[in-house]
Amino acid sequence: MEKYKCILSLRVANDLVAKDYELVHIEPSHKLPGKLVFVFRNSEQLEKELQNY
């Protein structure tokens, strides 16, 4: 399993932060100029949570 998970959606990132998932940092997207990437520490719980979206 990868150590980090990148999220492009602000709505999803906000929901994850509200549920106490660890936001590591925010950085500009290299693939989508003008967008931000929200980087979370990956875990099995996070993967299960993301299946709900």
PDB file of N, CA and C in Angstrom:
ATOM      1  N   MET A   1       0.847  -1.185   0.000  1.00  0.00           N
ATOM      2  CA  MET A   1       0.000   0.000   0.000  1.00  0.00           C
ATOM      3  C   MET A   1       0.882   1.235   0.000  1.00  0.00           C
ATOM      4  N   GLU A   2       0.474   2.214  -0.791  1.00  0.00           N
ATOM      5  CA  GLU A   2       1.233   3.463  -0.842  1.00  0.00           C
ATOM      6  C   GLU A   2       1.142   4.186   0.499  1.00  0.00           C
ATOM      7  N   LYS A   3       2.159   4.965   0.802  1.00  0.00           N
ATOM      8  CA  LYS A   3       2.218   5.675   2.073  1.00  0.00           C
ATOM      9  C   LYS A   3       1.272   6.873   2.096  1.00  0.00           C
ATOM     10  N   TYR A   4       1.037   7.496   0.932  1.00  0.00           N
ATOM     11  CA  TYR A   4       0.208   8.689   0.850  1.00  0.00           C
ATOM     12  C   TYR A   4      -0.878   8.520  -0.202  1.00  0.00           C
ATOM     13  N   LYS A   5      -1.965   9.258  -0.019  1.00  0.00           N
ATOM     14  CA  LYS A   5      -3.072   9.245  -0.974  1.00  0.00           C
ATOM     15  C   LYS A   5      -3.355  10.685  -1.380  1.00  0.00           C
ATOM     16  N   CYS A   6      -3.374  10.957  -2.675  1.00  0.00           N
ATOM     17  CA  CYS A   6      -3.622  12.301  -3.185  1.00  0.00           C
ATOM     18  C   CYS A   6      -5.096  12.439  -3.564  1.00  0.00           C
ATOM     19  N   ILE A   7      -5.700  13.529  -3.087  1.00  0.00           N
ATOM     20  CA  ILE A   7      -7.108  13.806  -3.344  1.00  0.00           C
ATOM     21  C   ILE A   7      -7.195  15.137  -4.092  1.00  0.00           C
ATOM     22  N   LEU A   8      -7.961  15.169  -5.177  1.00  0.00           N
ATOM     23  CA  LEU A   8      -8.114  16.399  -5.953  1.00  0.00           C
ATOM     24  C   LEU A   8      -9.361  17.181  -5.558  1.00  0.00           C
ATOM     25  N   SER A   9     -10.333  16.527  -4.947  1.00  0.00           N
ATOM     26  CA  SER A   9     -11.602  17.159  -4.622  1.00  0.00           C
ATOM     27  C   SER A   9     -11.536  17.869  -3.268  1.00  0.00           C
ATOM     28  N   LEU A  10     -11.836  19.161  -3.272  1.00  0.00           N
ATOM     29  CA  LEU A  10     -11.874  19.923  -2.029  1.00  0.00           C
ATOM     30  C   LEU A  10     -12.973  19.394  -1.115  1.00  0.00           C
ATOM     31  N   ARG A  11     -14.117  19.042  -1.671  1.00  0.00           N
ATOM     32  CA  ARG A  11     -15.230  18.524  -0.868  1.00  0.00           C
ATOM     33  C   ARG A  11     -14.837  17.231  -0.144  1.00  0.00           C
ATOM     34  N   VAL A  12     -14.215  16.311  -0.869  1.00  0.00           N
ATOM     35  CA  VAL A  12     -13.783  15.050  -0.265  1.00  0.00           C
ATOM     36  C   VAL A  12     -12.712  15.315   0.786  1.00  0.00           C
ATOM     37  N   ALA A  13     -11.752  16.186   0.473  1.00  0.00           N
ATOM     38  CA  ALA A  13     -10.686  16.516   1.426  1.00  0.00           C
ATOM     39  C   ALA A  13     -11.273  17.112   2.703  1.00  0.00           C
ATOM     40  N   ASN A  14     -12.237  18.022   2.570  1.00  0.00           N
ATOM     41  CA  ASN A  14     -12.882  18.609   3.748  1.00  0.00           C
ATOM     42  C   ASN A  14     -13.595  17.550   4.578  1.00  0.00           C
ATOM     43  N   ASP A  15     -14.294  16.632   3.922  1.00  0.00           N
ATOM     44  CA  ASP A  15     -14.978  15.556   4.638  1.00  0.00           C
ATOM     45  C   ASP A  15     -13.987  14.681   5.393  1.00  0.00           C
ATOM     46  N   LEU A  16     -12.857  14.361   4.756  1.00  0.00           N
ATOM     47  CA  LEU A  16     -11.857  13.512   5.398  1.00  0.00           C
ATOM     48  C   LEU A  16     -11.233  14.202   6.609  1.00  0.00           C
ATOM     49  N   VAL A  17     -10.938  15.488   6.486  1.00  0.00           N
ATOM     50  CA  VAL A  17     -10.380  16.241   7.609  1.00  0.00           C
ATOM     51  C   VAL A  17     -11.387  16.276   8.758  1.00  0.00           C
ATOM     52  N   ALA A  18     -12.657  16.475   8.434  1.00  0.00           N
ATOM     53  CA  ALA A  18     -13.706  16.506   9.453  1.00  0.00           C
ATOM     54  C   ALA A  18     -13.824  15.165  10.178  1.00  0.00           C
ATOM     55  N   LYS A  19     -13.446  14.086   9.484  1.00  0.00           N
ATOM     56  CA  LYS A  19     -13.494  12.747  10.086  1.00  0.00           C
ATOM     57  C   LYS A  19     -12.154  12.347  10.706  1.00  0.00           C
ATOM     58  N   ASP A  20     -11.280  13.336  10.885  1.00  0.00           N
ATOM     59  CA  ASP A  20      -9.988  13.168  11.567  1.00  0.00           C
ATOM     60  C   ASP A  20      -8.945  12.346  10.813  1.00  0.00           C
ATOM     61  N   TYR A  21      -9.044  12.296   9.482  1.00  0.00           N
ATOM     62  CA  TYR A  21      -7.963  11.686   8.710  1.00  0.00           C
ATOM     63  C   TYR A  21      -6.842  12.707   8.598  1.00  0.00           C
ATOM     64  N   GLU A  22      -5.605  12.227   8.609  1.00  0.00           N
ATOM     65  CA  GLU A  22      -4.441  13.115   8.676  1.00  0.00           C
ATOM     66  C   GLU A  22      -4.092  13.718   7.313  1.00  0.00           C
ATOM     67  N   LEU A  23      -4.281  15.031   7.212  1.00  0.00           N
ATOM     68  CA  LEU A  23      -3.859  15.781   6.034  1.00  0.00           C
ATOM     69  C   LEU A  23      -2.386  16.124   6.213  1.00  0.00           C
ATOM     70  N   VAL A  24      -1.539  15.622   5.319  1.00  0.00           N
ATOM     71  CA  VAL A  24      -0.100  15.815   5.437  1.00  0.00           C
ATOM     72  C   VAL A  24       0.303  17.176   4.888  1.00  0.00           C
ATOM     73  N   HIS A  25      -0.142  17.495   3.671  1.00  0.00           N
ATOM     74  CA  HIS A  25       0.119  18.808   3.094  1.00  0.00           C
ATOM     75  C   HIS A  25      -0.737  19.025   1.844  1.00  0.00           C
ATOM     76  N   ILE A  26      -0.691  20.260   1.371  1.00  0.00           N
ATOM     77  CA  ILE A  26      -1.410  20.657   0.165  1.00  0.00           C
ATOM     78  C   ILE A  26      -0.368  21.197  -0.809  1.00  0.00           C
ATOM     79  N   GLU A  27      -0.470  20.780  -2.067  1.00  0.00           N
ATOM     80  CA  GLU A  27       0.504  21.238  -3.065  1.00  0.00           C
ATOM     81  C   GLU A  27      -0.187  21.453  -4.405  1.00  0.00           C
ATOM     82  N   PRO A  28       0.397  22.250  -5.273  1.00  0.00           N
ATOM     83  CA  PRO A  28      -0.171  22.438  -6.614  1.00  0.00           C
ATOM     84  C   PRO A  28      -0.088  21.143  -7.422  1.00  0.00           C
ATOM     85  N   SER A  29      -1.099  20.894  -8.223  1.00  0.00           N
ATOM     86  CA  SER A  29      -1.111  19.705  -9.073  1.00  0.00           C
ATOM     87  C   SER A  29      -0.107  19.868 -10.206  1.00  0.00           C
ATOM     88  N   HIS A  30       0.644  18.813 -10.478  1.00  0.00           N
ATOM     89  CA  HIS A  30       1.590  18.821 -11.595  1.00  0.00           C
ATOM     90  C   HIS A  30       0.883  18.456 -12.899  1.00  0.00           C
ATOM     91  N   LYS A  31      -0.208  17.683 -12.794  1.00  0.00           N
ATOM     92  CA  LYS A  31      -0.923  17.225 -13.979  1.00  0.00           C
ATOM     93  C   LYS A  31      -2.046  18.163 -14.399  1.00  0.00           C
ATOM     94  N   LEU A  32      -2.636  18.854 -13.413  1.00  0.00           N
ATOM     95  CA  LEU A  32      -3.757  19.748 -13.697  1.00  0.00           C
ATOM     96  C   LEU A  32      -3.426  21.155 -13.206  1.00  0.00           C
ATOM     97  N   PRO A  33      -2.833  21.973 -14.062  1.00  0.00           N
ATOM     98  CA  PRO A  33      -2.454  23.327 -13.646  1.00  0.00           C
ATOM     99  C   PRO A  33      -3.641  24.104 -13.087  1.00  0.00           C
ATOM    100  N   GLY A  34      -3.404  24.838 -12.018  1.00  0.00           N
ATOM    101  CA  GLY A  34      -4.446  25.622 -11.384  1.00  0.00           C
ATOM    102  C   GLY A  34      -5.233  24.868 -10.327  1.00  0.00           C
ATOM    103  N   LYS A  35      -4.983  23.574 -10.180  1.00  0.00           N
ATOM    104  CA  LYS A  35      -5.671  22.760  -9.176  1.00  0.00           C
ATOM    105  C   LYS A  35      -4.721  22.460  -8.021  1.00  0.00           C
ATOM    106  N   LEU A  36      -5.306  22.121  -6.868  1.00  0.00           N
ATOM    107  CA  LEU A  36      -4.530  21.729  -5.700  1.00  0.00           C
ATOM    108  C   LEU A  36      -4.694  20.244  -5.448  1.00  0.00           C
ATOM    109  N   VAL A  37      -3.680  19.642  -4.837  1.00  0.00           N
ATOM    110  CA  VAL A  37      -3.716  18.241  -4.436  1.00  0.00           C
ATOM    111  C   VAL A  37      -3.624  18.207  -2.915  1.00  0.00           C
ATOM    112  N   PHE A  38      -4.550  17.482  -2.301  1.00  0.00           N
ATOM    113  CA  PHE A  38      -4.581  17.326  -0.856  1.00  0.00           C
ATOM    114  C   PHE A  38      -3.995  15.954  -0.545  1.00  0.00           C
ATOM    115  N   VAL A  39      -2.901  15.932   0.193  1.00  0.00           N
ATOM    116  CA  VAL A  39      -2.161  14.696   0.432  1.00  0.00           C
ATOM    117  C   VAL A  39      -2.468  14.192   1.846  1.00  0.00           C
ATOM    118  N   PHE A  40      -2.988  12.970   1.915  1.00  0.00           N
ATOM    119  CA  PHE A  40      -3.339  12.331   3.177  1.00  0.00           C
ATOM    120  C   PHE A  40      -2.438  11.130   3.413  1.00  0.00           C
ATOM    121  N   ARG A  41      -2.217  10.812   4.693  1.00  0.00           N
ATOM    122  CA  ARG A  41      -1.501   9.590   5.039  1.00  0.00           C
ATOM    123  C   ARG A  41      -2.457   8.430   4.760  1.00  0.00           C
ATOM    124  N   ASN A  42      -2.038   7.485   3.966  1.00  0.00           N
ATOM    125  CA  ASN A  42      -2.892   6.384   3.547  1.00  0.00           C
ATOM    126  C   ASN A  42      -3.015   5.328   4.642  1.00  0.00           C
ATOM    127  N   SER A  43      -4.172   4.703   4.694  1.00  0.00           N
ATOM    128  CA  SER A  43      -4.424   3.601   5.629  1.00  0.00           C
ATOM    129  C   SER A  43      -5.563   2.763   5.054  1.00  0.00           C
ATOM    130  N   GLU A  44      -5.773   1.587   5.626  1.00  0.00           N
ATOM    131  CA  GLU A  44      -6.888   0.751   5.189  1.00  0.00           C
ATOM    132  C   GLU A  44      -8.214   1.453   5.461  1.00  0.00           C
ATOM    133  N   GLN A  45      -8.291   2.156   6.589  1.00  0.00           N
ATOM    134  CA  GLN A  45      -9.514   2.884   6.930  1.00  0.00           C
ATOM    135  C   GLN A  45      -9.798   3.975   5.896  1.00  0.00           C
ATOM    136  N   LEU A  46      -8.752   4.697   5.477  1.00  0.00           N
ATOM    137  CA  LEU A  46      -8.927   5.740   4.474  1.00  0.00           C
ATOM    138  C   LEU A  46      -9.403   5.136   3.160  1.00  0.00           C
ATOM    139  N   GLU A  47      -8.816   4.033   2.749  1.00  0.00           N
ATOM    140  CA  GLU A  47      -9.223   3.370   1.505  1.00  0.00           C
ATOM    141  C   GLU A  47     -10.698   2.974   1.572  1.00  0.00           C
ATOM    142  N   LYS A  48     -11.138   2.446   2.707  1.00  0.00           N
ATOM    143  CA  LYS A  48     -12.556   2.061   2.868  1.00  0.00           C
ATOM    144  C   LYS A  48     -13.445   3.294   2.825  1.00  0.00           C
ATOM    145  N   GLU A  49     -13.019   4.375   3.454  1.00  0.00           N
ATOM    146  CA  GLU A  49     -13.788   5.617   3.462  1.00  0.00           C
ATOM    147  C   GLU A  49     -13.945   6.156   2.039  1.00  0.00           C
ATOM    148  N   LEU A  50     -12.888   6.087   1.242  1.00  0.00           N
ATOM    149  CA  LEU A  50     -12.929   6.615  -0.125  1.00  0.00           C
ATOM    150  C   LEU A  50     -13.862   5.805  -1.033  1.00  0.00           C
ATOM    151  N   GLN A  51     -14.135   4.570  -0.672  1.00  0.00           N
ATOM    152  CA  GLN A  51     -15.062   3.758  -1.464  1.00  0.00           C
ATOM    153  C   GLN A  51     -16.489   4.303  -1.372  1.00  0.00           C
ATOM    154  N   ASN A  52     -16.774   5.127  -0.345  1.00  0.00           N
ATOM    155  CA  ASN A  52     -18.100   5.721  -0.175  1.00  0.00           C
ATOM    156  C   ASN A  52     -18.353   6.873  -1.128  1.00  0.00           C
ATOM    157  N   TYR A  53     -17.311   7.357  -1.806  1.00  0.00           N
ATOM    158  CA  TYR A  53     -17.463   8.519  -2.683  1.00  0.00           C
ATOM    159  C   TYR A  53     -17.660   8.079  -4.082  1.00  0.00           C
TER     160      TYR A  53
END
